Amino acid sequence: MKIGILSRNSSLYSTRRLLQAARLRGHEAFVIDTTAVSIDLGHATSSLQNRYPKIDAIIPRIGTSITEYGLAVVRQFEALGIPTTASSAAIEQSRNKLQSLQLMQRHELPIPKTAVVNHPGTLYKAIQAVGGLPVVMKQIYGTQGDGVVLVHDIRSALSALPTLQRGGQPVLVQEFIAEAQGQDLRIIVINGRCIAAMQRSAPPDDFRANLHQGGTAVSIALSSPIKKLAQKASHVHGLQVAGVDLLQSTRGPLLLEINSSPGLQGIETVTGVNVSSEIVAFVETAVGKRSKRTAKKR
């Protein structure tokens, strides 16, 4: 089987591990630089079809900075009927934190109290709506804890707002869950199964538990209710491979965000689970199902 990994950087841990896992499982795997893919809509035969005539599946690893073009590339592969570990629609609605939270609210999944601000004049009202200061302010797009600040007074909130409004985007204002004590959970869900989980803890001088922000992590066994919550969050986003982040509160677990391209280094190192191989195993299943459907149509 030929597997293409969409990634701008072949030296990244996650990209290297997926490449290695695919080859160890007997497949021909290669990295496709997402930004170098040319999309030609002027001909009946797609340029992708000419360049990658026998590709069986893709694994998108789309960075935030190239989301729009990355989605366009994934859509072109989808138009050719090529299986993907994450559809363009699923990537889009999980990447946009506001859209993701709206989706989870619509499906009655537990999330932190959240308000949306697009003008300084509505900031105070938004803070009051989520329970008052301190609050967490977030960019709509952002990964690894970037674009997230904890503010303790209205002056700091007003100061942070224009910085977070990158390109005029609205900003999320969320309640600060003090009882979480700087800890959250990252759960990897593949094809409806929770295959690995870790509890992350923020460093002493920060509230963000992301490993890229200096956090630490330990492997953790999940309760059945939390497993079901992570599985449902992944399902409503249409994701077959997802990193689900949640934290514990006095109201129970609250979903923070869903990642369509979860980093693999932290979770594999902490848990010892070969997540990369599990992703490739899912690709094998997806391609097998497609082959059976194609055979039935003949």
C-alpha atoms as a PDB file:
ATOM      1  CA  MET A   1       0.000   0.000   0.000  1.00  0.00           C
ATOM      2  CA  LYS A   2       1.202   3.530  -0.788  1.00  0.00           C
ATOM      3  CA  ILE A   3       0.665   6.045   2.019  1.00  0.00           C
ATOM      4  CA  GLY A   4       1.318   9.768   1.688  1.00  0.00           C
ATOM      5  CA  ILE A   5       1.944  11.828   4.819  1.00  0.00           C
ATOM      6  CA  LEU A   6       1.004  15.476   4.297  1.00  0.00           C
ATOM      7  CA  SER A   7       3.598  17.469   6.234  1.00  0.00           C
ATOM      8  CA  ARG A   8       5.710  20.549   5.636  1.00  0.00           C
ATOM      9  CA  ASN A   9       8.591  19.170   7.676  1.00  0.00           C
ATOM     10  CA  SER A  10       9.812  15.609   7.256  1.00  0.00           C
ATOM     11  CA  SER A  11      12.129  15.968  10.261  1.00  0.00           C
ATOM     12  CA  LEU A  12       9.310  16.438  12.800  1.00  0.00           C
ATOM     13  CA  TYR A  13       8.962  13.614  15.312  1.00  0.00           C
ATOM     14  CA  SER A  14       5.353  12.800  14.395  1.00  0.00           C
ATOM     15  CA  THR A  15       6.097  12.734  10.670  1.00  0.00           C
ATOM     16  CA  ARG A  16       9.179  10.546  11.123  1.00  0.00           C
ATOM     17  CA  ARG A  17       7.346   8.107  13.385  1.00  0.00           C
ATOM     18  CA  LEU A  18       4.408   7.725  10.996  1.00  0.00           C
ATOM     19  CA  LEU A  19       6.821   7.149   8.123  1.00  0.00           C
ATOM     20  CA  GLN A  20       8.708   4.550  10.145  1.00  0.00           C
ATOM     21  CA  ALA A  21       5.538   2.810  11.347  1.00  0.00           C
ATOM     22  CA  ALA A  22       4.117   2.546   7.831  1.00  0.00           C
ATOM     23  CA  ARG A  23       7.336   1.075   6.454  1.00  0.00           C
ATOM     24  CA  LEU A  24       7.671  -1.383   9.336  1.00  0.00           C
ATOM     25  CA  ARG A  25       4.156  -2.594   8.543  1.00  0.00           C
ATOM     26  CA  GLY A  26       5.246  -3.290   4.966  1.00  0.00           C
ATOM     27  CA  HIS A  27       3.935  -0.219   3.168  1.00  0.00           C
ATOM     28  CA  GLU A  28       5.526   2.248   0.789  1.00  0.00           C
ATOM     29  CA  ALA A  29       5.342   5.561   2.637  1.00  0.00           C
ATOM     30  CA  PHE A  30       6.550   9.026   1.725  1.00  0.00           C
ATOM     31  CA  VAL A  31       6.171  12.626   2.861  1.00  0.00           C
ATOM     32  CA  ILE A  32       4.258  15.096   0.696  1.00  0.00           C
ATOM     33  CA  ASP A  33       5.107  18.735   1.402  1.00  0.00           C
ATOM     34  CA  THR A  34       1.631  20.250   1.679  1.00  0.00           C
ATOM     35  CA  THR A  35       2.785  23.693   0.556  1.00  0.00           C
ATOM     36  CA  ALA A  36       4.490  22.252  -2.538  1.00  0.00           C
ATOM     37  CA  VAL A  37       1.374  20.483  -3.807  1.00  0.00           C
ATOM     38  CA  SER A  38       0.041  22.211  -6.904  1.00  0.00           C
ATOM     39  CA  ILE A  39      -3.729  22.334  -7.368  1.00  0.00           C
ATOM     40  CA  ASP A  40      -4.785  22.662 -11.005  1.00  0.00           C
ATOM     41  CA  LEU A  41      -8.532  23.088 -11.447  1.00  0.00           C
ATOM     42  CA  GLY A  42      -8.355  23.909 -15.149  1.00  0.00           C
ATOM     43  CA  HIS A  43      -8.192  20.372 -16.501  1.00  0.00           C
ATOM     44  CA  ALA A  44     -10.508  17.385 -16.380  1.00  0.00           C
ATOM     45  CA  THR A  45      -7.693  15.246 -14.993  1.00  0.00           C
ATOM     46  CA  SER A  46      -6.464  16.472 -11.633  1.00  0.00           C
ATOM     47  CA  SER A  47      -2.772  17.329 -11.334  1.00  0.00           C
ATOM     48  CA  LEU A  48      -2.778  15.270  -8.143  1.00  0.00           C
ATOM     49  CA  GLN A  49      -4.012  12.277 -10.114  1.00  0.00           C
ATOM     50  CA  ASN A  50      -1.061  12.648 -12.473  1.00  0.00           C
ATOM     51  CA  ARG A  51       1.544  13.152  -9.759  1.00  0.00           C
ATOM     52  CA  TYR A  52       0.250  10.547  -7.296  1.00  0.00           C
ATOM     53  CA  PRO A  53      -1.514   8.016  -9.554  1.00  0.00           C
ATOM     54  CA  LYS A  54      -1.417   5.012  -7.234  1.00  0.00           C
ATOM     55  CA  ILE A  55      -1.579   6.528  -3.757  1.00  0.00           C
ATOM     56  CA  ASP A  56      -3.881   4.523  -1.496  1.00  0.00           C
ATOM     57  CA  ALA A  57      -4.305   6.850   1.506  1.00  0.00           C
ATOM     58  CA  ILE A  58      -3.119  10.078   3.077  1.00  0.00           C
ATOM     59  CA  ILE A  59      -2.361  11.052   6.660  1.00  0.00           C
ATOM     60  CA  PRO A  60      -2.768  14.855   6.951  1.00  0.00           C
ATOM     61  CA  ARG A  61      -0.503  16.682   9.397  1.00  0.00           C
ATOM     62  CA  ILE A  62      -1.694  20.209   8.619  1.00  0.00           C
ATOM     63  CA  GLY A  63      -0.077  23.027  10.604  1.00  0.00           C
ATOM     64  CA  THR A  64      -2.200  25.931  11.824  1.00  0.00           C
ATOM     65  CA  SER A  65      -0.341  28.480   9.704  1.00  0.00           C
ATOM     66  CA  ILE A  66      -1.295  26.707   6.455  1.00  0.00           C
ATOM     67  CA  THR A  67      -4.791  25.584   7.412  1.00  0.00           C
ATOM     68  CA  GLU A  68      -6.591  27.064   4.390  1.00  0.00           C
ATOM     69  CA  TYR A  69      -4.246  25.669   1.758  1.00  0.00           C
ATOM     70  CA  GLY A  70      -3.878  22.407   3.634  1.00  0.00           C
ATOM     71  CA  LEU A  71      -7.652  21.953   3.613  1.00  0.00           C
ATOM     72  CA  ALA A  72      -7.738  22.627  -0.129  1.00  0.00           C
ATOM     73  CA  VAL A  73      -5.104  19.936  -0.693  1.00  0.00           C
ATOM     74  CA  VAL A  74      -7.006  17.405   1.424  1.00  0.00           C
ATOM     75  CA  ARG A  75     -10.208  18.219  -0.493  1.00  0.00           C
ATOM     76  CA  GLN A  76      -8.444  17.441  -3.775  1.00  0.00           C
ATOM     77  CA  PHE A  77      -7.363  14.028  -2.507  1.00  0.00           C
ATOM     78  CA  GLU A  78     -10.912  13.439  -1.237  1.00  0.00           C
ATOM     79  CA  ALA A  79     -12.269  14.272  -4.695  1.00  0.00           C
ATOM     80  CA  LEU A  80     -10.172  11.399  -6.031  1.00  0.00           C
ATOM     81  CA  GLY A  81     -11.758   9.057  -3.493  1.00  0.00           C
ATOM     82  CA  ILE A  82      -8.522   8.588  -1.559  1.00  0.00           C
ATOM     83  CA  PRO A  83      -9.057   7.666   2.120  1.00  0.00           C
ATOM     84  CA  THR A  84      -7.731  10.081   4.724  1.00  0.00           C
ATOM     85  CA  THR A  85      -7.315   9.800   8.485  1.00  0.00           C
ATOM     86  CA  ALA A  86      -9.031  13.191   8.796  1.00  0.00           C
ATOM     87  CA  SER A  87     -11.483  14.673   6.318  1.00  0.00           C
ATOM     88  CA  SER A  88     -11.184  18.319   5.322  1.00  0.00           C
ATOM     89  CA  ALA A  89     -14.517  19.063   7.035  1.00  0.00           C
ATOM     90  CA  ALA A  90     -13.398  17.401  10.270  1.00  0.00           C
ATOM     91  CA  ILE A  91     -10.075  19.239  10.271  1.00  0.00           C
ATOM     92  CA  GLU A  92     -11.822  22.556   9.661  1.00  0.00           C
ATOM     93  CA  GLN A  93     -14.391  22.276  12.441  1.00  0.00           C
ATOM     94  CA  SER A  94     -11.900  20.979  15.002  1.00  0.00           C
ATOM     95  CA  ARG A  95      -9.222  23.555  14.117  1.00  0.00           C
ATOM     96  CA  ASN A  96     -11.594  26.487  14.722  1.00  0.00           C
ATOM     97  CA  LYS A  97     -12.058  26.520  18.511  1.00  0.00           C
ATOM     98  CA  LEU A  98     -15.281  28.528  18.339  1.00  0.00           C
ATOM     99  CA  GLN A  99     -16.834  26.229  15.760  1.00  0.00           C
ATOM    100  CA  SER A 100     -15.704  23.200  17.771  1.00  0.00           C
ATOM    101  CA  LEU A 101     -17.216  24.503  21.012  1.00  0.00           C
ATOM    102  CA  GLN A 102     -20.486  25.334  19.248  1.00  0.00           C
ATOM    103  CA  LEU A 103     -20.567  21.813  17.855  1.00  0.00           C
ATOM    104  CA  MET A 104     -19.982  20.256  21.274  1.00  0.00           C
ATOM    105  CA  GLN A 105     -22.622  22.470  22.863  1.00  0.00           C
ATOM    106  CA  ARG A 106     -25.098  21.445  20.173  1.00  0.00           C
ATOM    107  CA  HIS A 107     -24.469  17.812  21.065  1.00  0.00           C
ATOM    108  CA  GLU A 108     -24.814  18.610  24.786  1.00  0.00           C
ATOM    109  CA  LEU A 109     -21.212  17.739  25.614  1.00  0.00           C
ATOM    110  CA  PRO A 110     -19.783  19.425  28.737  1.00  0.00           C
ATOM    111  CA  ILE A 111     -17.559  22.434  28.032  1.00  0.00           C
ATOM    112  CA  PRO A 112     -16.325  25.381  30.131  1.00  0.00           C
ATOM    113  CA  LYS A 113     -18.562  28.458  30.270  1.00  0.00           C
ATOM    114  CA  THR A 114     -17.528  30.433  27.202  1.00  0.00           C
ATOM    115  CA  ALA A 115     -18.297  33.846  25.718  1.00  0.00           C
ATOM    116  CA  VAL A 116     -17.093  35.363  22.454  1.00  0.00           C
ATOM    117  CA  VAL A 117     -15.707  38.897  22.147  1.00  0.00           C
ATOM    118  CA  ASN A 118     -15.069  40.893  19.001  1.00  0.00           C
ATOM    119  CA  HIS A 119     -14.990  44.416  20.486  1.00  0.00           C
ATOM    120  CA  PRO A 120     -13.516  45.901  23.688  1.00  0.00           C
ATOM    121  CA  GLY A 121     -16.941  47.289  24.589  1.00  0.00           C
ATOM    122  CA  THR A 122     -18.354  43.782  25.101  1.00  0.00           C
ATOM    123  CA  LEU A 123     -15.414  42.386  27.078  1.00  0.00           C
ATOM    124  CA  TYR A 124     -16.673  43.229  30.572  1.00  0.00           C
ATOM    125  CA  LYS A 125     -20.074  41.684  29.834  1.00  0.00           C
ATOM    126  CA  ALA A 126     -18.392  38.538  28.505  1.00  0.00           C
ATOM    127  CA  ILE A 127     -16.281  38.215  31.650  1.00  0.00           C
ATOM    128  CA  GLN A 128     -19.363  38.501  33.823  1.00  0.00           C
ATOM    129  CA  ALA A 129     -21.192  35.943  31.674  1.00  0.00           C
ATOM    130  CA  VAL A 130     -18.609  33.244  32.443  1.00  0.00           C
ATOM    131  CA  GLY A 131     -18.536  33.959  36.177  1.00  0.00           C
ATOM    132  CA  GLY A 132     -16.126  36.867  36.551  1.00  0.00           C
ATOM    133  CA  LEU A 133     -12.375  37.214  36.884  1.00  0.00           C
ATOM    134  CA  PRO A 134      -9.971  35.532  36.505  1.00  0.00           C
ATOM    135  CA  VAL A 135     -10.720  34.294  32.997  1.00  0.00           C
ATOM    136  CA  VAL A 136      -8.865  32.491  30.247  1.00  0.00           C
ATOM    137  CA  MET A 137      -8.713  34.299  26.898  1.00  0.00           C
ATOM    138  CA  LYS A 138      -7.984  32.320  23.742  1.00  0.00           C
ATOM    139  CA  GLN A 139      -7.449  32.869  20.054  1.00  0.00           C
ATOM    140  CA  ILE A 140      -9.871  31.026  17.772  1.00  0.00           C
ATOM    141  CA  TYR A 141      -6.888  29.324  16.158  1.00  0.00           C
ATOM    142  CA  GLY A 142      -3.859  28.226  18.114  1.00  0.00           C
ATOM    143  CA  THR A 143      -2.021  25.102  19.209  1.00  0.00           C
ATOM    144  CA  GLN A 144       0.360  23.891  21.907  1.00  0.00           C
ATOM    145  CA  GLY A 145      -0.846  26.507  24.378  1.00  0.00           C
ATOM    146  CA  ASP A 146       0.039  29.492  22.193  1.00  0.00           C
ATOM    147  CA  GLY A 147      -2.516  32.304  21.999  1.00  0.00           C
ATOM    148  CA  VAL A 148      -3.876  31.539  25.477  1.00  0.00           C
ATOM    149  CA  VAL A 149      -3.618  33.901  28.474  1.00  0.00           C
ATOM    150  CA  LEU A 150      -4.958  33.980  32.020  1.00  0.00           C
ATOM    151  CA  VAL A 151      -6.038  37.465  33.116  1.00  0.00           C
ATOM    152  CA  HIS A 152      -6.873  38.580  36.648  1.00  0.00           C
ATOM    153  CA  ASP A 153      -8.165  42.120  36.029  1.00  0.00           C
ATOM    154  CA  ILE A 154     -10.071  44.043  33.380  1.00  0.00           C
ATOM    155  CA  ARG A 155      -7.076  46.207  32.459  1.00  0.00           C
ATOM    156  CA  SER A 156      -5.021  43.115  31.590  1.00  0.00           C
ATOM    157  CA  ALA A 157      -7.953  41.702  29.642  1.00  0.00           C
ATOM    158  CA  LEU A 158      -8.315  44.888  27.582  1.00  0.00           C
ATOM    159  CA  SER A 159      -4.573  44.891  26.954  1.00  0.00           C
ATOM    160  CA  ALA A 160      -4.562  41.252  25.800  1.00  0.00           C
ATOM    161  CA  LEU A 161      -7.564  41.571  23.486  1.00  0.00           C
ATOM    162  CA  PRO A 162      -5.955  43.307  20.463  1.00  0.00           C
ATOM    163  CA  THR A 163      -2.990  40.929  20.565  1.00  0.00           C
ATOM    164  CA  LEU A 164      -5.276  37.904  20.547  1.00  0.00           C
ATOM    165  CA  GLN A 165      -7.487  39.341  17.791  1.00  0.00           C
ATOM    166  CA  ARG A 166      -5.090  38.185  15.117  1.00  0.00           C
ATOM    167  CA  GLY A 167      -6.442  39.332  11.761  1.00  0.00           C
ATOM    168  CA  GLY A 168      -9.599  40.674  13.380  1.00  0.00           C
ATOM    169  CA  GLN A 169     -10.674  37.271  14.665  1.00  0.00           C
ATOM    170  CA  PRO A 170     -13.036  37.064  17.654  1.00  0.00           C
ATOM    171  CA  VAL A 171     -11.577  35.945  20.984  1.00  0.00           C
ATOM    172  CA  LEU A 172     -12.877  33.288  23.361  1.00  0.00           C
ATOM    173  CA  VAL A 173     -13.368  34.196  27.019  1.00  0.00           C
ATOM    174  CA  GLN A 174     -13.656  31.148  29.268  1.00  0.00           C
ATOM    175  CA  GLU A 175     -14.121  30.531  32.955  1.00  0.00           C
ATOM    176  CA  PHE A 176     -10.929  29.641  34.809  1.00  0.00           C
ATOM    177  CA  ILE A 177     -11.248  26.188  36.371  1.00  0.00           C
ATOM    178  CA  ALA A 178      -9.127  26.706  39.481  1.00  0.00           C
ATOM    179  CA  GLU A 179      -9.905  23.276  40.925  1.00  0.00           C
ATOM    180  CA  ALA A 180      -8.139  21.616  37.966  1.00  0.00           C
ATOM    181  CA  GLN A 181      -4.915  22.862  39.598  1.00  0.00           C
ATOM    182  CA  GLY A 182      -3.132  23.270  36.274  1.00  0.00           C
ATOM    183  CA  GLN A 183      -3.820  19.706  35.160  1.00  0.00           C
ATOM    184  CA  ASP A 184      -5.606  18.331  32.122  1.00  0.00           C
ATOM    185  CA  LEU A 185      -5.916  15.088  30.172  1.00  0.00           C
ATOM    186  CA  ARG A 186      -4.827  14.341  26.609  1.00  0.00           C
ATOM    187  CA  ILE A 187      -6.551  11.284  25.159  1.00  0.00           C
ATOM    188  CA  ILE A 188      -5.793   9.733  21.777  1.00  0.00           C
ATOM    189  CA  VAL A 189      -8.867   8.292  20.082  1.00  0.00           C
ATOM    190  CA  ILE A 190      -8.448   6.158  16.954  1.00  0.00           C
ATOM    191  CA  ASN A 191     -11.425   4.680  15.133  1.00  0.00           C
ATOM    192  CA  GLY A 192     -13.606   5.094  18.217  1.00  0.00           C
ATOM    193  CA  ARG A 193     -11.107   3.583  20.682  1.00  0.00           C
ATOM    194  CA  CYS A 194      -9.173   5.388  23.407  1.00  0.00           C
ATOM    195  CA  ILE A 195      -5.708   3.929  22.900  1.00  0.00           C
ATOM    196  CA  ALA A 196      -3.532   6.189  25.072  1.00  0.00           C
ATOM    197  CA  ALA A 197      -3.961   8.881  27.707  1.00  0.00           C
ATOM    198  CA  MET A 198      -1.763  11.107  29.810  1.00  0.00           C
ATOM    199  CA  GLN A 199      -2.336  13.606  32.575  1.00  0.00           C
ATOM    200  CA  ARG A 200      -0.433  16.833  31.978  1.00  0.00           C
ATOM    201  CA  SER A 201       0.588  19.262  34.712  1.00  0.00           C
ATOM    202  CA  ALA A 202       1.521  22.909  34.231  1.00  0.00           C
ATOM    203  CA  PRO A 203       4.893  24.210  35.460  1.00  0.00           C
ATOM    204  CA  PRO A 204       4.811  26.196  38.738  1.00  0.00           C
ATOM    205  CA  ASP A 205       4.815  29.591  36.997  1.00  0.00           C
ATOM    206  CA  ASP A 206       2.105  28.832  34.401  1.00  0.00           C
ATOM    207  CA  PHE A 207      -1.456  27.548  34.145  1.00  0.00           C
ATOM    208  CA  ARG A 208      -1.049  25.826  30.773  1.00  0.00           C
ATOM    209  CA  ALA A 209      -0.362  22.105  30.979  1.00  0.00           C
ATOM    210  CA  ASN A 210       0.857  21.756  27.376  1.00  0.00           C
ATOM    211  CA  LEU A 211       4.202  19.960  27.157  1.00  0.00           C
ATOM    212  CA  HIS A 212       5.397  22.610  24.681  1.00  0.00           C
ATOM    213  CA  GLN A 213       4.892  25.195  27.446  1.00  0.00           C
ATOM    214  CA  GLY A 214       7.086  23.288  29.903  1.00  0.00           C
ATOM    215  CA  GLY A 215       4.425  21.006  31.360  1.00  0.00           C
ATOM    216  CA  THR A 216       5.064  17.471  32.579  1.00  0.00           C
ATOM    217  CA  ALA A 217       2.982  14.349  32.051  1.00  0.00           C
ATOM    218  CA  VAL A 218       2.295  10.855  33.348  1.00  0.00           C
ATOM    219  CA  SER A 219       0.408   7.953  31.824  1.00  0.00           C
ATOM    220  CA  ILE A 220      -3.083   7.509  33.240  1.00  0.00           C
ATOM    221  CA  ALA A 221      -5.859   4.905  33.155  1.00  0.00           C
ATOM    222  CA  LEU A 222      -9.225   6.344  32.149  1.00  0.00           C
ATOM    223  CA  SER A 223     -12.580   5.771  33.784  1.00  0.00           C
ATOM    224  CA  SER A 224     -15.377   4.474  31.574  1.00  0.00           C
ATOM    225  CA  PRO A 225     -17.315   7.808  31.616  1.00  0.00           C
ATOM    226  CA  ILE A 226     -14.253   9.767  30.474  1.00  0.00           C
ATOM    227  CA  LYS A 227     -13.541   7.229  27.731  1.00  0.00           C
ATOM    228  CA  LYS A 228     -17.104   7.579  26.469  1.00  0.00           C
ATOM    229  CA  LEU A 229     -16.860  11.376  26.568  1.00  0.00           C
ATOM    230  CA  ALA A 230     -13.631  11.397  24.546  1.00  0.00           C
ATOM    231  CA  GLN A 231     -15.091   8.939  22.047  1.00  0.00           C
ATOM    232  CA  LYS A 232     -18.231  11.020  21.593  1.00  0.00           C
ATOM    233  CA  ALA A 233     -16.244  14.252  21.191  1.00  0.00           C
ATOM    234  CA  SER A 234     -14.147  12.631  18.479  1.00  0.00           C
ATOM    235  CA  HIS A 235     -17.256  11.220  16.800  1.00  0.00           C
ATOM    236  CA  VAL A 236     -19.242  14.469  16.644  1.00  0.00           C
ATOM    237  CA  HIS A 237     -16.249  16.162  14.994  1.00  0.00           C
ATOM    238  CA  GLY A 238     -16.099  13.399  12.387  1.00  0.00           C
ATOM    239  CA  LEU A 239     -12.540  12.517  13.384  1.00  0.00           C
ATOM    240  CA  GLN A 240     -11.178   8.983  13.157  1.00  0.00           C
ATOM    241  CA  VAL A 241      -7.859  10.070  14.677  1.00  0.00           C
ATOM    242  CA  ALA A 242      -8.046  12.727  17.380  1.00  0.00           C
ATOM    243  CA  GLY A 243      -6.333  14.179  20.403  1.00  0.00           C
ATOM    244  CA  VAL A 244      -9.030  15.067  22.934  1.00  0.00           C
ATOM    245  CA  ASP A 245      -8.187  17.525  25.730  1.00  0.00           C
ATOM    246  CA  LEU A 246     -10.305  17.814  28.861  1.00  0.00           C
ATOM    247  CA  LEU A 247      -9.984  18.804  32.494  1.00  0.00           C
ATOM    248  CA  GLN A 248     -11.701  17.907  35.731  1.00  0.00           C
ATOM    249  CA  SER A 249     -13.982  20.385  37.478  1.00  0.00           C
ATOM    250  CA  THR A 250     -16.464  20.330  40.341  1.00  0.00           C
ATOM    251  CA  ARG A 251     -19.106  19.859  37.607  1.00  0.00           C
ATOM    252  CA  GLY A 252     -17.293  16.824  36.220  1.00  0.00           C
ATOM    253  CA  PRO A 253     -15.002  16.551  33.169  1.00  0.00           C
ATOM    254  CA  LEU A 254     -15.103  19.471  30.713  1.00  0.00           C
ATOM    255  CA  LEU A 255     -13.941  19.250  27.110  1.00  0.00           C
ATOM    256  CA  LEU A 256     -11.390  21.875  26.095  1.00  0.00           C
ATOM    257  CA  GLU A 257     -10.562  21.134  22.470  1.00  0.00           C
ATOM    258  CA  ILE A 258     -10.118  18.437  19.849  1.00  0.00           C
ATOM    259  CA  ASN A 259      -6.958  18.141  17.744  1.00  0.00           C
ATOM    260  CA  SER A 260      -7.041  16.536  14.299  1.00  0.00           C
ATOM    261  CA  SER A 261      -3.229  16.272  14.157  1.00  0.00           C
ATOM    262  CA  PRO A 262      -2.224  15.455  17.740  1.00  0.00           C
ATOM    263  CA  GLY A 263       1.479  15.527  18.497  1.00  0.00           C
ATOM    264  CA  LEU A 264       2.867  12.029  18.985  1.00  0.00           C
ATOM    265  CA  GLN A 265       6.147  12.583  20.803  1.00  0.00           C
ATOM    266  CA  GLY A 266       4.732  13.364  24.239  1.00  0.00           C
ATOM    267  CA  ILE A 267       2.035  10.691  24.273  1.00  0.00           C
ATOM    268  CA  GLU A 268       4.290   7.939  22.916  1.00  0.00           C
ATOM    269  CA  THR A 269       7.138   8.799  25.278  1.00  0.00           C
ATOM    270  CA  VAL A 270       4.939   9.021  28.373  1.00  0.00           C
ATOM    271  CA  THR A 271       2.655   6.036  27.749  1.00  0.00           C
ATOM    272  CA  GLY A 272       4.868   3.721  25.728  1.00  0.00           C
ATOM    273  CA  VAL A 273       1.977   3.168  23.304  1.00  0.00           C
ATOM    274  CA  ASN A 274       2.955   2.998  19.634  1.00  0.00           C
ATOM    275  CA  VAL A 275       0.336   5.506  18.500  1.00  0.00           C
ATOM    276  CA  SER A 276       1.971   5.841  15.073  1.00  0.00           C
ATOM    277  CA  SER A 277       1.497   2.150  14.340  1.00  0.00           C
ATOM    278  CA  GLU A 278      -2.120   2.330  15.547  1.00  0.00           C
ATOM    279  CA  ILE A 279      -2.772   5.166  13.082  1.00  0.00           C
ATOM    280  CA  VAL A 280      -1.295   3.143  10.214  1.00  0.00           C
ATOM    281  CA  ALA A 281      -3.370   0.126  11.294  1.00  0.00           C
ATOM    282  CA  PHE A 282      -6.476   2.304  10.996  1.00  0.00           C
ATOM    283  CA  VAL A 283      -5.371   3.363   7.497  1.00  0.00           C
ATOM    284  CA  GLU A 284      -5.113  -0.316   6.547  1.00  0.00           C
ATOM    285  CA  THR A 285      -8.679  -0.871   7.745  1.00  0.00           C
ATOM    286  CA  ALA A 286     -10.003   2.193   5.900  1.00  0.00           C
ATOM    287  CA  VAL A 287      -8.329   1.204   2.630  1.00  0.00           C
ATOM    288  CA  GLY A 288      -9.556  -2.371   3.017  1.00  0.00           C
ATOM    289  CA  LYS A 289     -13.156  -1.195   3.415  1.00  0.00           C
ATOM    290  CA  ARG A 290     -12.822   1.049   0.357  1.00  0.00           C
ATOM    291  CA  SER A 291     -11.450  -1.839  -1.715  1.00  0.00           C
ATOM    292  CA  LYS A 292     -14.392  -4.044  -0.732  1.00  0.00           C
ATOM    293  CA  ARG A 293     -16.886  -1.310  -1.670  1.00  0.00           C
ATOM    294  CA  THR A 294     -15.159  -0.827  -5.026  1.00  0.00           C
ATOM    295  CA  ALA A 295     -15.202  -4.565  -5.707  1.00  0.00           C
ATOM    296  CA  LYS A 296     -18.951  -4.770  -4.985  1.00  0.00           C
ATOM    297  CA  LYS A 297     -19.672  -2.033  -7.537  1.00  0.00           C
ATOM    298  CA  ARG A 298     -17.966  -3.979 -10.312  1.00  0.00           C
END
